[in-house]
Amino acid sequence: QSLISHNTLEAAIHQLNQKKADGMFAPKGSGSAIDYKKCAAADY
C-alpha cells in the first residue's frame, strides 16, 4: 500500500526537487545547532 501512497509520492517528488544536503542527517544528531554556552548563561 505504501508503494501507491500519495504520501510516498509527495515525499519522492520533494526529494527530487531538494538539494541533497537538505535530505541528510545532522552529523551529531539532534541539538547540533544549540549554543550550549548561551543556554548555560545566568541570564538565559
ModelCIF file with pLDDT and N, C-alpha, C, O atoms, coordinates in Angstrom:
data_MODEL
#
_entry.id   MODEL 
#
_entity.id                         1 
_entity.type                       polymer 
_entity.pdbx_number_of_molecules   1 
#
_entity_poly.entity_id                      1 
_entity_poly.type                           'polypeptide(L)' 
_entity_poly.nstd_linkage                   no 
_entity_poly.nstd_monomer                   no 
_entity_poly.pdbx_seq_one_letter_code       QSLISHNTLEAAIHQLNQKKADGMFAPKGSGSAIDYKKCAAADY 
_entity_poly.pdbx_seq_one_letter_code_can   QSLISHNTLEAAIHQLNQKKADGMFAPKGSGSAIDYKKCAAADY 
_entity_poly.pdbx_strand_id                 A 
#
loop_
_entity_poly_seq.entity_id 
_entity_poly_seq.num 
_entity_poly_seq.mon_id 
_entity_poly_seq.hetero 
1 1  GLN n 
1 2  SER n 
1 3  LEU n 
1 4  ILE n 
1 5  SER n 
1 6  HIS n 
1 7  ASN n 
1 8  THR n 
1 9  LEU n 
1 10 GLU n 
1 11 ALA n 
1 12 ALA n 
1 13 ILE n 
1 14 HIS n 
1 15 GLN n 
1 16 LEU n 
1 17 ASN n 
1 18 GLN n 
1 19 LYS n 
1 20 LYS n 
1 21 ALA n 
1 22 ASP n 
1 23 GLY n 
1 24 MET n 
1 25 PHE n 
1 26 ALA n 
1 27 PRO n 
1 28 LYS n 
1 29 GLY n 
1 30 SER n 
1 31 GLY n 
1 32 SER n 
1 33 ALA n 
1 34 ILE n 
1 35 ASP n 
1 36 TYR n 
1 37 LYS n 
1 38 LYS n 
1 39 CYS n 
1 40 ALA n 
1 41 ALA n 
1 42 ALA n 
1 43 ASP n 
1 44 TYR n 
#
_struct_asym.id          A 
_struct_asym.entity_id   1 
#
loop_
_ma_qa_metric.id 
_ma_qa_metric.mode 
_ma_qa_metric.name 
_ma_qa_metric.software_group_id 
_ma_qa_metric.type 
1 global pLDDT . pLDDT 
2 local  pLDDT . pLDDT 
#
_ma_qa_metric_global.metric_id      1 
_ma_qa_metric_global.metric_value   88.84 
_ma_qa_metric_global.model_id       1 
_ma_qa_metric_global.ordinal_id     1 
#
loop_
_ma_qa_metric_local.label_asym_id 
_ma_qa_metric_local.label_comp_id 
_ma_qa_metric_local.label_seq_id 
_ma_qa_metric_local.metric_id 
_ma_qa_metric_local.metric_value 
_ma_qa_metric_local.model_id 
_ma_qa_metric_local.ordinal_id 
A GLN 1  2 89.00 1 1  
A SER 2  2 90.00 1 2  
A LEU 3  2 90.00 1 3  
A ILE 4  2 90.00 1 4  
A SER 5  2 91.00 1 5  
A HIS 6  2 89.00 1 6  
A ASN 7  2 91.00 1 7  
A THR 8  2 92.00 1 8  
A LEU 9  2 91.00 1 9  
A GLU 10 2 93.00 1 10 
A ALA 11 2 91.00 1 11 
A ALA 12 2 90.00 1 12 
A ILE 13 2 92.00 1 13 
A HIS 14 2 92.00 1 14 
A GLN 15 2 91.00 1 15 
A LEU 16 2 90.00 1 16 
A ASN 17 2 89.00 1 17 
A GLN 18 2 86.00 1 18 
A LYS 19 2 79.00 1 19 
A LYS 20 2 70.00 1 20 
A ALA 21 2 69.00 1 21 
A ASP 22 2 67.00 1 22 
A GLY 23 2 64.00 1 23 
A MET 24 2 78.00 1 24 
A PHE 25 2 85.00 1 25 
A ALA 26 2 87.00 1 26 
A PRO 27 2 89.00 1 27 
A LYS 28 2 93.00 1 28 
A GLY 29 2 95.00 1 29 
A SER 30 2 95.00 1 30 
A GLY 31 2 93.00 1 31 
A SER 32 2 91.00 1 32 
A ALA 33 2 91.00 1 33 
A ILE 34 2 95.00 1 34 
A ASP 35 2 95.00 1 35 
A TYR 36 2 95.00 1 36 
A LYS 37 2 95.00 1 37 
A LYS 38 2 96.00 1 38 
A CYS 39 2 95.00 1 39 
A ALA 40 2 94.00 1 40 
A ALA 41 2 94.00 1 41 
A ALA 42 2 90.00 1 42 
A ASP 43 2 93.00 1 43 
A TYR 44 2 94.00 1 44 
#
loop_
_atom_site.group_PDB 
_atom_site.id 
_atom_site.type_symbol 
_atom_site.label_atom_id 
_atom_site.label_alt_id 
_atom_site.label_comp_id 
_atom_site.label_asym_id 
_atom_site.label_entity_id 
_atom_site.label_seq_id 
_atom_site.pdbx_PDB_ins_code 
_atom_site.Cartn_x 
_atom_site.Cartn_y 
_atom_site.Cartn_z 
_atom_site.occupancy 
_atom_site.B_iso_or_equiv 
_atom_site.pdbx_formal_charge 
_atom_site.auth_seq_id 
_atom_site.auth_comp_id 
_atom_site.auth_asym_id 
_atom_site.auth_atom_id 
_atom_site.pdbx_PDB_model_num 
ATOM 1   N N  . GLN A 1 1  ? 0.819  -1.205 0.000  1.00 89.00 ? 1  GLN A N  1 
ATOM 2   C CA . GLN A 1 1  ? 0.000  0.000  0.000  1.00 89.00 ? 1  GLN A CA 1 
ATOM 3   C C  . GLN A 1 1  ? 0.857  1.261  0.000  1.00 89.00 ? 1  GLN A C  1 
ATOM 4   O O  . GLN A 1 1  ? 0.510  2.257  -0.635 1.00 89.00 ? 1  GLN A O  1 
ATOM 5   N N  . SER A 1 2  ? 1.978  1.211  0.715  1.00 90.00 ? 2  SER A N  1 
ATOM 6   C CA . SER A 1 2  ? 2.849  2.386  0.771  1.00 90.00 ? 2  SER A CA 1 
ATOM 7   C C  . SER A 1 2  ? 3.443  2.716  -0.595 1.00 90.00 ? 2  SER A C  1 
ATOM 8   O O  . SER A 1 2  ? 3.804  3.864  -0.857 1.00 90.00 ? 2  SER A O  1 
ATOM 9   N N  . LEU A 1 3  ? 3.544  1.714  -1.462 1.00 90.00 ? 3  LEU A N  1 
ATOM 10  C CA . LEU A 1 3  ? 4.091  1.947  -2.799 1.00 90.00 ? 3  LEU A CA 1 
ATOM 11  C C  . LEU A 1 3  ? 3.205  2.864  -3.639 1.00 90.00 ? 3  LEU A C  1 
ATOM 12  O O  . LEU A 1 3  ? 3.696  3.600  -4.495 1.00 90.00 ? 3  LEU A O  1 
ATOM 13  N N  . ILE A 1 4  ? 1.913  2.816  -3.392 1.00 90.00 ? 4  ILE A N  1 
ATOM 14  C CA . ILE A 1 4  ? 0.995  3.651  -4.179 1.00 90.00 ? 4  ILE A CA 1 
ATOM 15  C C  . ILE A 1 4  ? 0.423  4.791  -3.351 1.00 90.00 ? 4  ILE A C  1 
ATOM 16  O O  . ILE A 1 4  ? -0.520 5.460  -3.774 1.00 90.00 ? 4  ILE A O  1 
ATOM 17  N N  . SER A 1 5  ? 0.992  5.012  -2.175 1.00 91.00 ? 5  SER A N  1 
ATOM 18  C CA . SER A 1 5  ? 0.510  6.067  -1.288 1.00 91.00 ? 5  SER A CA 1 
ATOM 19  C C  . SER A 1 5  ? 0.865  7.447  -1.827 1.00 91.00 ? 5  SER A C  1 
ATOM 20  O O  . SER A 1 5  ? 1.968  7.671  -2.325 1.00 91.00 ? 5  SER A O  1 
ATOM 21  N N  . HIS A 1 6  ? -0.079 8.356  -1.720 1.00 89.00 ? 6  HIS A N  1 
ATOM 22  C CA . HIS A 1 6  ? 0.207  9.731  -2.166 1.00 89.00 ? 6  HIS A CA 1 
ATOM 23  C C  . HIS A 1 6  ? 1.252  10.383 -1.258 1.00 89.00 ? 6  HIS A C  1 
ATOM 24  O O  . HIS A 1 6  ? 1.977  11.278 -1.691 1.00 89.00 ? 6  HIS A O  1 
ATOM 25  N N  . ASN A 1 7  ? 1.330  9.933  0.005  1.00 91.00 ? 7  ASN A N  1 
ATOM 26  C CA . ASN A 1 7  ? 2.357  10.473 0.898  1.00 91.00 ? 7  ASN A CA 1 
ATOM 27  C C  . ASN A 1 7  ? 3.758  10.113 0.413  1.00 91.00 ? 7  ASN A C  1 
ATOM 28  O O  . ASN A 1 7  ? 4.666  10.943 0.427  1.00 91.00 ? 7  ASN A O  1 
ATOM 29  N N  . THR A 1 8  ? 3.918  8.857  -0.018 1.00 92.00 ? 8  THR A N  1 
ATOM 30  C CA . THR A 1 8  ? 5.208  8.431  -0.555 1.00 92.00 ? 8  THR A CA 1 
ATOM 31  C C  . THR A 1 8  ? 5.522  9.181  -1.842 1.00 92.00 ? 8  THR A C  1 
ATOM 32  O O  . THR A 1 8  ? 6.662  9.586  -2.073 1.00 92.00 ? 8  THR A O  1 
ATOM 33  N N  . LEU A 1 9  ? 4.499  9.364  -2.682 1.00 91.00 ? 9  LEU A N  1 
ATOM 34  C CA . LEU A 1 9  ? 4.676  10.086 -3.941 1.00 91.00 ? 9  LEU A CA 1 
ATOM 35  C C  . LEU A 1 9  ? 5.113  11.529 -3.677 1.00 91.00 ? 9  LEU A C  1 
ATOM 36  O O  . LEU A 1 9  ? 6.036  12.024 -4.323 1.00 91.00 ? 9  LEU A O  1 
ATOM 37  N N  . GLU A 1 10 ? 4.459  12.199 -2.739 1.00 93.00 ? 10 GLU A N  1 
ATOM 38  C CA . GLU A 1 10 ? 4.814  13.581 -2.416 1.00 93.00 ? 10 GLU A CA 1 
ATOM 39  C C  . GLU A 1 10 ? 6.243  13.661 -1.870 1.00 93.00 ? 10 GLU A C  1 
ATOM 40  O O  . GLU A 1 10 ? 6.994  14.577 -2.203 1.00 93.00 ? 10 GLU A O  1 
ATOM 41  N N  . ALA A 1 11 ? 6.608  12.687 -1.025 1.00 91.00 ? 11 ALA A N  1 
ATOM 42  C CA . ALA A 1 11 ? 7.964  12.664 -0.477 1.00 91.00 ? 11 ALA A CA 1 
ATOM 43  C C  . ALA A 1 11 ? 8.993  12.443 -1.580 1.00 91.00 ? 11 ALA A C  1 
ATOM 44  O O  . ALA A 1 11 ? 10.071 13.037 -1.554 1.00 91.00 ? 11 ALA A O  1 
ATOM 45  N N  . ALA A 1 12 ? 8.661  11.586 -2.553 1.00 90.00 ? 12 ALA A N  1 
ATOM 46  C CA . ALA A 1 12 ? 9.571  11.315 -3.661 1.00 90.00 ? 12 ALA A CA 1 
ATOM 47  C C  . ALA A 1 12 ? 9.787  12.564 -4.519 1.00 90.00 ? 12 ALA A C  1 
ATOM 48  O O  . ALA A 1 12 ? 10.916 12.884 -4.891 1.00 90.00 ? 12 ALA A O  1 
ATOM 49  N N  . ILE A 1 13 ? 8.700  13.260 -4.825 1.00 92.00 ? 13 ILE A N  1 
ATOM 50  C CA . ILE A 1 13 ? 8.798  14.482 -5.630 1.00 92.00 ? 13 ILE A CA 1 
ATOM 51  C C  . ILE A 1 13 ? 9.601  15.538 -4.874 1.00 92.00 ? 13 ILE A C  1 
ATOM 52  O O  . ILE A 1 13 ? 10.441 16.230 -5.449 1.00 92.00 ? 13 ILE A O  1 
ATOM 53  N N  . HIS A 1 14 ? 9.324  15.647 -3.579 1.00 92.00 ? 14 HIS A N  1 
ATOM 54  C CA . HIS A 1 14 ? 10.058 16.616 -2.749 1.00 92.00 ? 14 HIS A CA 1 
ATOM 55  C C  . HIS A 1 14 ? 11.552 16.301 -2.739 1.00 92.00 ? 14 HIS A C  1 
ATOM 56  O O  . HIS A 1 14 ? 12.383 17.205 -2.829 1.00 92.00 ? 14 HIS A O  1 
ATOM 57  N N  . GLN A 1 15 ? 11.886 15.030 -2.630 1.00 91.00 ? 15 GLN A N  1 
ATOM 58  C CA . GLN A 1 15 ? 13.290 14.642 -2.580 1.00 91.00 ? 15 GLN A CA 1 
ATOM 59  C C  . GLN A 1 15 ? 14.011 14.969 -3.877 1.00 91.00 ? 15 GLN A C  1 
ATOM 60  O O  . GLN A 1 15 ? 15.160 15.411 -3.863 1.00 91.00 ? 15 GLN A O  1 
ATOM 61  N N  . LEU A 1 16 ? 13.340 14.752 -4.987 1.00 90.00 ? 16 LEU A N  1 
ATOM 62  C CA . LEU A 1 16 ? 13.966 15.039 -6.275 1.00 90.00 ? 16 LEU A CA 1 
ATOM 63  C C  . LEU A 1 16 ? 14.181 16.536 -6.488 1.00 90.00 ? 16 LEU A C  1 
ATOM 64  O O  . LEU A 1 16 ? 15.065 16.945 -7.240 1.00 90.00 ? 16 LEU A O  1 
ATOM 65  N N  . ASN A 1 17 ? 13.363 17.345 -5.818 1.00 89.00 ? 17 ASN A N  1 
ATOM 66  C CA . ASN A 1 17 ? 13.446 18.794 -6.018 1.00 89.00 ? 17 ASN A CA 1 
ATOM 67  C C  . ASN A 1 17 ? 14.332 19.502 -5.004 1.00 89.00 ? 17 ASN A C  1 
ATOM 68  O O  . ASN A 1 17 ? 14.572 20.703 -5.135 1.00 89.00 ? 17 ASN A O  1 
ATOM 69  N N  . GLN A 1 18 ? 14.825 18.787 -3.996 1.00 86.00 ? 18 GLN A N  1 
ATOM 70  C CA . GLN A 1 18 ? 15.633 19.441 -2.979 1.00 86.00 ? 18 GLN A CA 1 
ATOM 71  C C  . GLN A 1 18 ? 17.111 19.139 -3.185 1.00 86.00 ? 18 GLN A C  1 
ATOM 72  O O  . GLN A 1 18 ? 17.478 18.161 -3.838 1.00 86.00 ? 18 GLN A O  1 
ATOM 73  N N  . LYS A 1 19 ? 17.937 19.985 -2.624 1.00 79.00 ? 19 LYS A N  1 
ATOM 74  C CA . LYS A 1 19 ? 19.370 19.733 -2.637 1.00 79.00 ? 19 LYS A CA 1 
ATOM 75  C C  . LYS A 1 19 ? 19.660 18.521 -1.761 1.00 79.00 ? 19 LYS A C  1 
ATOM 76  O O  . LYS A 1 19 ? 18.985 18.297 -0.756 1.00 79.00 ? 19 LYS A O  1 
ATOM 77  N N  . LYS A 1 20 ? 20.653 17.750 -2.141 1.00 70.00 ? 20 LYS A N  1 
ATOM 78  C CA . LYS A 1 20 ? 20.953 16.532 -1.387 1.00 70.00 ? 20 LYS A CA 1 
ATOM 79  C C  . LYS A 1 20 ? 21.247 16.824 0.074  1.00 70.00 ? 20 LYS A C  1 
ATOM 80  O O  . LYS A 1 20 ? 20.847 16.059 0.953  1.00 70.00 ? 20 LYS A O  1 
ATOM 81  N N  . ALA A 1 21 ? 21.941 17.920 0.342  1.00 69.00 ? 21 ALA A N  1 
ATOM 82  C CA . ALA A 1 21 ? 22.308 18.240 1.724  1.00 69.00 ? 21 ALA A CA 1 
ATOM 83  C C  . ALA A 1 21 ? 21.081 18.448 2.602  1.00 69.00 ? 21 ALA A C  1 
ATOM 84  O O  . ALA A 1 21 ? 21.134 18.209 3.808  1.00 69.00 ? 21 ALA A O  1 
ATOM 85  N N  . ASP A 1 22 ? 19.962 18.896 1.999  1.00 67.00 ? 22 ASP A N  1 
ATOM 86  C CA . ASP A 1 22 ? 18.749 19.154 2.774  1.00 67.00 ? 22 ASP A CA 1 
ATOM 87  C C  . ASP A 1 22 ? 18.057 17.871 3.209  1.00 67.00 ? 22 ASP A C  1 
ATOM 88  O O  . ASP A 1 22 ? 17.229 17.892 4.120  1.00 67.00 ? 22 ASP A O  1 
ATOM 89  N N  . GLY A 1 23 ? 18.384 16.764 2.574  1.00 64.00 ? 23 GLY A N  1 
ATOM 90  C CA . GLY A 1 23 ? 17.780 15.497 2.940  1.00 64.00 ? 23 GLY A CA 1 
ATOM 91  C C  . GLY A 1 23 ? 18.725 14.606 3.704  1.00 64.00 ? 23 GLY A C  1 
ATOM 92  O O  . GLY A 1 23 ? 18.520 13.394 3.776  1.00 64.00 ? 23 GLY A O  1 
ATOM 93  N N  . MET A 1 24 ? 19.771 15.199 4.285  1.00 78.00 ? 24 MET A N  1 
ATOM 94  C CA . MET A 1 24 ? 20.773 14.435 5.008  1.00 78.00 ? 24 MET A CA 1 
ATOM 95  C C  . MET A 1 24 ? 20.658 14.707 6.508  1.00 78.00 ? 24 MET A C  1 
ATOM 96  O O  . MET A 1 24 ? 19.965 15.631 6.935  1.00 78.00 ? 24 MET A O  1 
ATOM 97  N N  . PHE A 1 25 ? 21.333 13.903 7.280  1.00 85.00 ? 25 PHE A N  1 
ATOM 98  C CA . PHE A 1 25 ? 21.263 13.975 8.729  1.00 85.00 ? 25 PHE A CA 1 
ATOM 99  C C  . PHE A 1 25 ? 22.290 14.957 9.287  1.00 85.00 ? 25 PHE A C  1 
ATOM 100 O O  . PHE A 1 25 ? 23.305 15.238 8.651  1.00 85.00 ? 25 PHE A O  1 
ATOM 101 N N  . ALA A 1 26 ? 22.013 15.475 10.484 1.00 87.00 ? 26 ALA A N  1 
ATOM 102 C CA . ALA A 1 26 ? 22.998 16.289 11.194 1.00 87.00 ? 26 ALA A CA 1 
ATOM 103 C C  . ALA A 1 26 ? 24.048 15.351 11.765 1.00 87.00 ? 26 ALA A C  1 
ATOM 104 O O  . ALA A 1 26 ? 23.688 14.378 12.427 1.00 87.00 ? 26 ALA A O  1 
ATOM 105 N N  . PRO A 1 27 ? 25.326 15.601 11.537 1.00 89.00 ? 27 PRO A N  1 
ATOM 106 C CA . PRO A 1 27 ? 26.384 14.648 11.915 1.00 89.00 ? 27 PRO A CA 1 
ATOM 107 C C  . PRO A 1 27 ? 26.346 14.192 13.368 1.00 89.00 ? 27 PRO A C  1 
ATOM 108 O O  . PRO A 1 27 ? 26.613 13.025 13.657 1.00 89.00 ? 27 PRO A O  1 
ATOM 109 N N  . LYS A 1 28 ? 26.016 15.105 14.292 1.00 93.00 ? 28 LYS A N  1 
ATOM 110 C CA . LYS A 1 28 ? 25.964 14.754 15.717 1.00 93.00 ? 28 LYS A CA 1 
ATOM 111 C C  . LYS A 1 28 ? 24.548 14.474 16.192 1.00 93.00 ? 28 LYS A C  1 
ATOM 112 O O  . LYS A 1 28 ? 24.324 14.145 17.357 1.00 93.00 ? 28 LYS A O  1 
ATOM 113 N N  . GLY A 1 29 ? 23.593 14.609 15.275 1.00 95.00 ? 29 GLY A N  1 
ATOM 114 C CA . GLY A 1 29 ? 22.217 14.337 15.632 1.00 95.00 ? 29 GLY A CA 1 
ATOM 115 C C  . GLY A 1 29 ? 21.468 15.559 16.119 1.00 95.00 ? 29 GLY A C  1 
ATOM 116 O O  . GLY A 1 29 ? 21.874 16.693 15.865 1.00 95.00 ? 29 GLY A O  1 
ATOM 117 N N  . SER A 1 30 ? 20.371 15.322 16.822 1.00 95.00 ? 30 SER A N  1 
ATOM 118 C CA . SER A 1 30 ? 19.519 16.411 17.310 1.00 95.00 ? 30 SER A CA 1 
ATOM 119 C C  . SER A 1 30 ? 20.291 17.311 18.263 1.00 95.00 ? 30 SER A C  1 
ATOM 120 O O  . SER A 1 30 ? 21.192 16.868 18.975 1.00 95.00 ? 30 SER A O  1 
ATOM 121 N N  . GLY A 1 31 ? 19.913 18.592 18.258 1.00 93.00 ? 31 GLY A N  1 
ATOM 122 C CA . GLY A 1 31 ? 20.558 19.549 19.149 1.00 93.00 ? 31 GLY A CA 1 
ATOM 123 C C  . GLY A 1 31 ? 21.902 20.044 18.664 1.00 93.00 ? 31 GLY A C  1 
ATOM 124 O O  . GLY A 1 31 ? 22.607 20.747 19.389 1.00 93.00 ? 31 GLY A O  1 
ATOM 125 N N  . SER A 1 32 ? 22.267 19.681 17.432 1.00 91.00 ? 32 SER A N  1 
ATOM 126 C CA . SER A 1 32 ? 23.595 20.053 16.928 1.00 91.00 ? 32 SER A CA 1 
ATOM 127 C C  . SER A 1 32 ? 23.782 21.561 16.822 1.00 91.00 ? 32 SER A C  1 
ATOM 128 O O  . SER A 1 32 ? 24.898 22.068 16.935 1.00 91.00 ? 32 SER A O  1 
ATOM 129 N N  . ALA A 1 33 ? 22.673 22.277 16.603 1.00 91.00 ? 33 ALA A N  1 
ATOM 130 C CA . ALA A 1 33 ? 22.778 23.726 16.410 1.00 91.00 ? 33 ALA A CA 1 
ATOM 131 C C  . ALA A 1 33 ? 22.631 24.513 17.710 1.00 91.00 ? 33 ALA A C  1 
ATOM 132 O O  . ALA A 1 33 ? 22.671 25.743 17.695 1.00 91.00 ? 33 ALA A O  1 
ATOM 133 N N  . ILE A 1 34 ? 22.464 23.821 18.822 1.00 95.00 ? 34 ILE A N  1 
ATOM 134 C CA . ILE A 1 34 ? 22.263 24.508 20.101 1.00 95.00 ? 34 ILE A CA 1 
ATOM 135 C C  . ILE A 1 34 ? 23.550 25.194 20.565 1.00 95.00 ? 34 ILE A C  1 
ATOM 136 O O  . ILE A 1 34 ? 24.618 24.583 20.576 1.00 95.00 ? 34 ILE A O  1 
ATOM 137 N N  . ASP A 1 35 ? 23.437 26.447 20.942 1.00 95.00 ? 35 ASP A N  1 
ATOM 138 C CA . ASP A 1 35 ? 24.558 27.175 21.540 1.00 95.00 ? 35 ASP A CA 1 
ATOM 139 C C  . ASP A 1 35 ? 24.507 26.907 23.043 1.00 95.00 ? 35 ASP A C  1 
ATOM 140 O O  . ASP A 1 35 ? 23.884 27.656 23.795 1.00 95.00 ? 35 ASP A O  1 
ATOM 141 N N  . TYR A 1 36 ? 25.162 25.843 23.468 1.00 95.00 ? 36 TYR A N  1 
ATOM 142 C CA . TYR A 1 36 ? 25.010 25.414 24.858 1.00 95.00 ? 36 TYR A CA 1 
ATOM 143 C C  . TYR A 1 36 ? 25.661 26.379 25.847 1.00 95.00 ? 36 TYR A C  1 
ATOM 144 O O  . TYR A 1 36 ? 25.289 26.408 27.020 1.00 95.00 ? 36 TYR A O  1 
ATOM 145 N N  . LYS A 1 37 ? 26.622 27.163 25.385 1.00 95.00 ? 37 LYS A N  1 
ATOM 146 C CA . LYS A 1 37 ? 27.219 28.162 26.277 1.00 95.00 ? 37 LYS A CA 1 
ATOM 147 C C  . LYS A 1 37 ? 26.202 29.268 26.583 1.00 95.00 ? 37 LYS A C  1 
ATOM 148 O O  . LYS A 1 37 ? 26.154 29.792 27.696 1.00 95.00 ? 37 LYS A O  1 
ATOM 149 N N  . LYS A 1 38 ? 25.407 29.607 25.592 1.00 96.00 ? 38 LYS A N  1 
ATOM 150 C CA . LYS A 1 38 ? 24.341 30.589 25.802 1.00 96.00 ? 38 LYS A CA 1 
ATOM 151 C C  . LYS A 1 38 ? 23.293 30.025 26.757 1.00 96.00 ? 38 LYS A C  1 
ATOM 152 O O  . LYS A 1 38 ? 22.780 30.743 27.616 1.00 96.00 ? 38 LYS A O  1 
ATOM 153 N N  . CYS A 1 39 ? 22.973 28.725 26.604 1.00 95.00 ? 39 CYS A N  1 
ATOM 154 C CA . CYS A 1 39 ? 21.982 28.085 27.469 1.00 95.00 ? 39 CYS A CA 1 
ATOM 155 C C  . CYS A 1 39 ? 22.447 28.079 28.924 1.00 95.00 ? 39 CYS A C  1 
ATOM 156 O O  . CYS A 1 39 ? 21.633 28.178 29.842 1.00 95.00 ? 39 CYS A O  1 
ATOM 157 N N  . ALA A 1 40 ? 23.755 27.964 29.128 1.00 94.00 ? 40 ALA A N  1 
ATOM 158 C CA . ALA A 1 40 ? 24.310 27.877 30.483 1.00 94.00 ? 40 ALA A CA 1 
ATOM 159 C C  . ALA A 1 40 ? 24.451 29.232 31.164 1.00 94.00 ? 40 ALA A C  1 
ATOM 160 O O  . ALA A 1 40 ? 24.731 29.298 32.361 1.00 94.00 ? 40 ALA A O  1 
ATOM 161 N N  . ALA A 1 41 ? 24.260 30.315 30.411 1.00 94.00 ? 41 ALA A N  1 
ATOM 162 C CA . ALA A 1 41 ? 24.444 31.656 30.971 1.00 94.00 ? 41 ALA A CA 1 
ATOM 163 C C  . ALA A 1 41 ? 23.386 31.958 32.030 1.00 94.00 ? 41 ALA A C  1 
ATOM 164 O O  . ALA A 1 41 ? 22.239 31.525 31.921 1.00 94.00 ? 41 ALA A O  1 
ATOM 165 N N  . ALA A 1 42 ? 23.785 32.700 33.044 1.00 90.00 ? 42 ALA A N  1 
ATOM 166 C CA . ALA A 1 42 ? 22.861 33.029 34.133 1.00 90.00 ? 42 ALA A CA 1 
ATOM 167 C C  . ALA A 1 42 ? 21.663 33.836 33.649 1.00 90.00 ? 42 ALA A C  1 
ATOM 168 O O  . ALA A 1 42 ? 20.585 33.763 34.239 1.00 90.00 ? 42 ALA A O  1 
ATOM 169 N N  . ASP A 1 43 ? 21.846 34.607 32.573 1.00 93.00 ? 43 ASP A N  1 
ATOM 170 C CA . ASP A 1 43 ? 20.756 35.446 32.071 1.00 93.00 ? 43 ASP A CA 1 
ATOM 171 C C  . ASP A 1 43 ? 19.999 34.806 30.909 1.00 93.00 ? 43 ASP A C  1 
ATOM 172 O O  . ASP A 1 43 ? 19.282 35.492 30.180 1.00 93.00 ? 43 ASP A O  1 
ATOM 173 N N  . TYR A 1 44 ? 20.159 33.484 30.736 1.00 94.00 ? 44 TYR A N  1 
ATOM 174 C CA . TYR A 1 44 ? 19.443 32.814 29.635 1.00 94.00 ? 44 TYR A CA 1 
ATOM 175 C C  . TYR A 1 44 ? 17.938 33.002 29.820 1.00 94.00 ? 44 TYR A C  1 
ATOM 176 O O  . TYR A 1 44 ? 17.151 32.519 29.007 1.00 94.00 ? 44 TYR A O  1 
#
